[in-house]
Amino acid sequence: MRRRGPVSLATKLKLTARPRQLAGESTSVQPLWGMRELQVYFQKKRTATDEFLQKNPDFPKVKIGGEWRFDPESVRAWFLRKQVTQVMQNEEKTG
């Protein structure tokens, strides 16, 4: 039987450490979308999707390995913000 010596503080921390979760943060992680998944979400072809991205530089995207990637939650939130902004602008014009 092998006898164990004292355990260092670093080892104890490694054994007991758990990743912290921010308040309201989900523990599941969704994979990022590529251009094809974004096209499916838009229900548009590649050229229309490319034009949209050029016209909307504030659209949430990140370039990884030379290719654009998109966080699905950020994409949905961006569209929701745009819809709310449009409704508010329409109310200001009519009201």
N, C-alpha and C. Protein backbone atom coordinates (compact mmCIF):
# COMPACT_ATOMS: atom_id res chain seq x y z
N MET A 1 0.84 -1.16 0.00
CA MET A 1 0.00 0.00 0.00
C MET A 1 0.89 1.24 0.00
N ARG A 2 0.58 2.17 -0.90
CA ARG A 2 1.38 3.39 -1.03
C ARG A 2 0.90 4.44 -0.03
N ARG A 3 1.84 5.01 0.64
CA ARG A 3 1.49 6.02 1.64
C ARG A 3 1.56 7.40 1.00
N ARG A 4 0.56 8.19 1.25
CA ARG A 4 0.50 9.54 0.71
C ARG A 4 1.10 10.52 1.68
N GLY A 5 1.83 11.49 1.13
CA GLY A 5 2.39 12.56 1.92
C GLY A 5 1.40 13.71 2.04
N PRO A 6 1.84 14.81 2.55
CA PRO A 6 0.97 15.97 2.69
C PRO A 6 0.53 16.47 1.32
N VAL A 7 -0.69 16.99 1.27
CA VAL A 7 -1.26 17.52 0.04
C VAL A 7 -1.09 19.03 0.03
N SER A 8 -0.58 19.54 -1.06
CA SER A 8 -0.34 20.98 -1.15
C SER A 8 -1.66 21.74 -1.29
N LEU A 9 -1.60 23.02 -0.98
CA LEU A 9 -2.78 23.88 -1.11
C LEU A 9 -3.25 23.93 -2.56
N ALA A 10 -2.30 23.99 -3.50
CA ALA A 10 -2.66 24.04 -4.92
C ALA A 10 -3.44 22.79 -5.33
N THR A 11 -3.00 21.64 -4.85
CA THR A 11 -3.69 20.40 -5.17
C THR A 11 -5.09 20.39 -4.57
N LYS A 12 -5.22 20.86 -3.33
CA LYS A 12 -6.54 20.93 -2.70
C LYS A 12 -7.47 21.83 -3.50
N LEU A 13 -6.96 22.95 -3.95
CA LEU A 13 -7.79 23.88 -4.73
C LEU A 13 -8.23 23.26 -6.04
N LYS A 14 -7.34 22.54 -6.69
CA LYS A 14 -7.68 21.88 -7.95
C LYS A 14 -8.77 20.84 -7.73
N LEU A 15 -8.68 20.12 -6.62
CA LEU A 15 -9.64 19.06 -6.34
C LEU A 15 -11.01 19.61 -5.96
N THR A 16 -11.05 20.77 -5.33
CA THR A 16 -12.33 21.31 -4.85
C THR A 16 -12.88 22.42 -5.72
N ALA A 17 -12.09 22.93 -6.65
CA ALA A 17 -12.53 24.07 -7.46
C ALA A 17 -13.61 23.64 -8.44
N ARG A 18 -14.60 24.47 -8.55
CA ARG A 18 -15.67 24.28 -9.52
C ARG A 18 -15.80 25.57 -10.30
N PRO A 19 -16.12 25.49 -11.59
CA PRO A 19 -16.29 26.73 -12.34
C PRO A 19 -17.43 27.55 -11.74
N ARG A 20 -17.18 28.84 -11.60
CA ARG A 20 -18.23 29.72 -11.06
C ARG A 20 -19.27 29.99 -12.10
N GLN A 21 -20.49 30.13 -11.64
CA GLN A 21 -21.58 30.44 -12.53
C GLN A 21 -22.13 31.80 -12.15
N LEU A 22 -22.22 32.69 -13.11
CA LEU A 22 -22.77 34.01 -12.86
C LEU A 22 -24.27 33.90 -12.64
N ALA A 23 -24.81 34.86 -11.92
CA ALA A 23 -26.25 34.86 -11.65
C ALA A 23 -27.02 34.89 -12.98
N GLY A 24 -27.93 33.99 -13.14
CA GLY A 24 -28.76 33.93 -14.34
C GLY A 24 -28.09 33.31 -15.55
N GLU A 25 -26.87 32.87 -15.41
CA GLU A 25 -26.14 32.30 -16.53
C GLU A 25 -26.47 30.81 -16.66
N SER A 26 -26.69 30.39 -17.86
CA SER A 26 -26.98 28.99 -18.13
C SER A 26 -25.69 28.19 -18.13
N THR A 27 -25.78 26.93 -17.72
CA THR A 27 -24.59 26.09 -17.72
C THR A 27 -24.38 25.43 -19.07
N SER A 28 -25.40 25.40 -19.93
CA SER A 28 -25.24 24.79 -21.25
C SER A 28 -24.66 25.81 -22.22
N VAL A 29 -23.82 25.33 -23.11
CA VAL A 29 -23.18 26.19 -24.09
C VAL A 29 -23.63 25.74 -25.47
N GLN A 30 -24.15 26.68 -26.24
CA GLN A 30 -24.57 26.36 -27.60
C GLN A 30 -23.39 26.54 -28.54
N PRO A 31 -23.27 25.67 -29.53
CA PRO A 31 -22.19 25.87 -30.49
C PRO A 31 -22.46 27.11 -31.33
N LEU A 32 -21.38 27.72 -31.81
CA LEU A 32 -21.52 28.89 -32.66
C LEU A 32 -22.05 28.47 -34.02
N TRP A 33 -22.76 29.39 -34.67
CA TRP A 33 -23.25 29.15 -36.02
C TRP A 33 -22.18 29.56 -37.02
N GLY A 34 -22.15 28.87 -38.14
CA GLY A 34 -21.36 29.29 -39.29
C GLY A 34 -22.28 30.03 -40.25
N MET A 35 -21.77 30.34 -41.43
CA MET A 35 -22.57 31.06 -42.43
C MET A 35 -23.80 30.25 -42.85
N ARG A 36 -23.64 28.94 -42.97
CA ARG A 36 -24.77 28.12 -43.41
C ARG A 36 -25.92 28.17 -42.41
N GLU A 37 -25.61 28.08 -41.12
CA GLU A 37 -26.66 28.13 -40.10
C GLU A 37 -27.32 29.51 -40.07
N LEU A 38 -26.53 30.56 -40.31
CA LEU A 38 -27.09 31.90 -40.36
C LEU A 38 -28.02 32.04 -41.57
N GLN A 39 -27.62 31.47 -42.69
CA GLN A 39 -28.47 31.49 -43.88
C GLN A 39 -29.80 30.77 -43.62
N VAL A 40 -29.74 29.67 -42.93
CA VAL A 40 -30.96 28.92 -42.60
C VAL A 40 -31.85 29.77 -41.70
N TYR A 41 -31.25 30.43 -40.71
CA TYR A 41 -32.01 31.30 -39.80
C TYR A 41 -32.67 32.44 -40.56
N PHE A 42 -31.91 33.04 -41.50
CA PHE A 42 -32.44 34.14 -42.31
C PHE A 42 -33.41 33.65 -43.38
N GLN A 43 -33.27 32.39 -43.75
CA GLN A 43 -34.00 31.82 -44.89
C GLN A 43 -33.67 32.58 -46.16
N LYS A 44 -32.36 32.86 -46.31
CA LYS A 44 -31.84 33.59 -47.47
C LYS A 44 -30.62 32.87 -48.03
N LYS A 45 -30.29 33.21 -49.28
CA LYS A 45 -29.10 32.64 -49.90
C LYS A 45 -27.85 33.37 -49.43
N ARG A 46 -26.70 32.84 -49.80
CA ARG A 46 -25.41 33.37 -49.34
C ARG A 46 -25.22 34.83 -49.72
N THR A 47 -25.57 35.20 -50.94
CA THR A 47 -25.33 36.59 -51.37
C THR A 47 -26.17 37.57 -50.55
N ALA A 48 -27.42 37.23 -50.27
CA ALA A 48 -28.26 38.11 -49.46
C ALA A 48 -27.74 38.21 -48.03
N THR A 49 -27.22 37.11 -47.51
CA THR A 49 -26.65 37.11 -46.15
C THR A 49 -25.38 37.96 -46.11
N ASP A 50 -24.53 37.84 -47.12
CA ASP A 50 -23.32 38.66 -47.20
C ASP A 50 -23.68 40.15 -47.28
N GLU A 51 -24.67 40.49 -48.09
CA GLU A 51 -25.10 41.89 -48.21
C GLU A 51 -25.62 42.41 -46.87
N PHE A 52 -26.38 41.59 -46.18
CA PHE A 52 -26.91 41.99 -44.88
C PHE A 52 -25.77 42.29 -43.91
N LEU A 53 -24.76 41.43 -43.87
CA LEU A 53 -23.63 41.62 -42.96
C LEU A 53 -22.84 42.88 -43.30
N GLN A 54 -22.72 43.21 -44.58
CA GLN A 54 -22.03 44.43 -44.99
C GLN A 54 -22.81 45.67 -44.59
N LYS A 55 -24.13 45.61 -44.67
CA LYS A 55 -24.97 46.77 -44.34
C LYS A 55 -25.15 46.95 -42.84
N ASN A 56 -24.85 45.94 -42.05
CA ASN A 56 -25.04 45.97 -40.60
C ASN A 56 -23.74 45.61 -39.88
N PRO A 57 -22.80 46.57 -39.83
CA PRO A 57 -21.51 46.25 -39.20
C PRO A 57 -21.62 45.99 -37.70
N ASP A 58 -22.73 46.40 -37.07
CA ASP A 58 -22.91 46.17 -35.64
C ASP A 58 -23.48 44.78 -35.34
N PHE A 59 -23.74 44.00 -36.38
CA PHE A 59 -24.27 42.65 -36.18
C PHE A 59 -23.24 41.81 -35.43
N PRO A 60 -23.68 41.03 -34.40
CA PRO A 60 -22.72 40.27 -33.57
C PRO A 60 -22.08 39.11 -34.33
N LYS A 61 -20.76 39.23 -34.50
CA LYS A 61 -20.03 38.19 -35.21
C LYS A 61 -18.58 38.20 -34.75
N VAL A 62 -17.92 37.09 -34.97
CA VAL A 62 -16.50 36.98 -34.63
C VAL A 62 -15.84 36.13 -35.71
N LYS A 63 -14.64 36.54 -36.11
CA LYS A 63 -13.92 35.79 -37.13
C LYS A 63 -12.98 34.81 -36.45
N ILE A 64 -13.17 33.54 -36.75
CA ILE A 64 -12.34 32.47 -36.19
C ILE A 64 -11.77 31.67 -37.35
N GLY A 65 -10.45 31.62 -37.43
CA GLY A 65 -9.82 30.86 -38.50
C GLY A 65 -10.20 31.34 -39.89
N GLY A 66 -10.43 32.63 -40.04
CA GLY A 66 -10.77 33.20 -41.34
C GLY A 66 -12.23 33.08 -41.72
N GLU A 67 -13.05 32.54 -40.83
CA GLU A 67 -14.48 32.38 -41.12
C GLU A 67 -15.31 33.07 -40.05
N TRP A 68 -16.42 33.66 -40.47
CA TRP A 68 -17.32 34.31 -39.52
C TRP A 68 -18.09 33.27 -38.73
N ARG A 69 -18.22 33.51 -37.44
CA ARG A 69 -19.02 32.68 -36.53
C ARG A 69 -19.99 33.58 -35.80
N PHE A 70 -21.13 33.01 -35.42
CA PHE A 70 -22.22 33.79 -34.83
C PHE A 70 -22.77 33.06 -33.62
N ASP A 71 -22.92 33.79 -32.52
CA ASP A 71 -23.53 33.23 -31.31
C ASP A 71 -25.04 33.31 -31.48
N PRO A 72 -25.75 32.17 -31.47
CA PRO A 72 -27.20 32.18 -31.70
C PRO A 72 -27.96 33.11 -30.76
N GLU A 73 -27.61 33.13 -29.49
CA GLU A 73 -28.31 34.00 -28.53
C GLU A 73 -28.08 35.47 -28.84
N SER A 74 -26.88 35.82 -29.22
CA SER A 74 -26.57 37.21 -29.56
C SER A 74 -27.30 37.63 -30.83
N VAL A 75 -27.41 36.72 -31.79
CA VAL A 75 -28.14 37.01 -33.03
C VAL A 75 -29.61 37.29 -32.72
N ARG A 76 -30.22 36.42 -31.91
CA ARG A 76 -31.64 36.62 -31.56
C ARG A 76 -31.85 37.92 -30.78
N ALA A 77 -30.92 38.21 -29.86
CA ALA A 77 -31.03 39.44 -29.07
C ALA A 77 -30.87 40.67 -29.96
N TRP A 78 -29.99 40.62 -30.94
CA TRP A 78 -29.78 41.74 -31.86
C TRP A 78 -31.07 42.02 -32.63
N PHE A 79 -31.70 40.96 -33.16
CA PHE A 79 -32.95 41.14 -33.89
C PHE A 79 -34.06 41.68 -33.00
N LEU A 80 -34.13 41.22 -31.78
CA LEU A 80 -35.14 41.71 -30.84
C LEU A 80 -34.94 43.20 -30.58
N ARG A 81 -33.69 43.63 -30.35
CA ARG A 81 -33.40 45.05 -30.15
C ARG A 81 -33.80 45.87 -31.37
N LYS A 82 -33.52 45.37 -32.57
CA LYS A 82 -33.89 46.07 -33.80
C LYS A 82 -35.40 46.22 -33.91
N GLN A 83 -36.13 45.16 -33.57
CA GLN A 83 -37.59 45.21 -33.64
C GLN A 83 -38.14 46.23 -32.66
N VAL A 84 -37.64 46.26 -31.45
CA VAL A 84 -38.09 47.20 -30.43
C VAL A 84 -37.79 48.63 -30.90
N THR A 85 -36.61 48.85 -31.44
CA THR A 85 -36.24 50.19 -31.93
C THR A 85 -37.18 50.63 -33.04
N GLN A 86 -37.52 49.74 -33.96
CA GLN A 86 -38.42 50.09 -35.06
C GLN A 86 -39.81 50.43 -34.55
N VAL A 87 -40.30 49.68 -33.58
CA VAL A 87 -41.63 49.95 -33.01
C VAL A 87 -41.63 51.32 -32.33
N MET A 88 -40.58 51.61 -31.58
CA MET A 88 -40.50 52.89 -30.88
C MET A 88 -40.42 54.05 -31.88
N GLN A 89 -39.67 53.88 -32.96
CA GLN A 89 -39.57 54.92 -33.98
C GLN A 89 -40.91 55.13 -34.68
N ASN A 90 -41.63 54.05 -34.95
CA ASN A 90 -42.94 54.17 -35.58
C ASN A 90 -43.93 54.88 -34.66
N GLU A 91 -43.87 54.60 -33.36
CA GLU A 91 -44.76 55.26 -32.41
C GLU A 91 -44.46 56.76 -32.32
N GLU A 92 -43.17 57.12 -32.39
CA GLU A 92 -42.80 58.53 -32.35
C GLU A 92 -43.31 59.27 -33.57
N LYS A 93 -43.30 58.62 -34.74
CA LYS A 93 -43.77 59.26 -35.97
C LYS A 93 -45.28 59.45 -35.96
N THR A 94 -46.01 58.46 -35.41
CA THR A 94 -47.46 58.53 -35.41
C THR A 94 -48.02 59.28 -34.22
N GLY A 95 -47.26 59.39 -33.17
CA GLY A 95 -47.76 59.97 -31.92
C GLY A 95 -47.28 61.32 -31.71
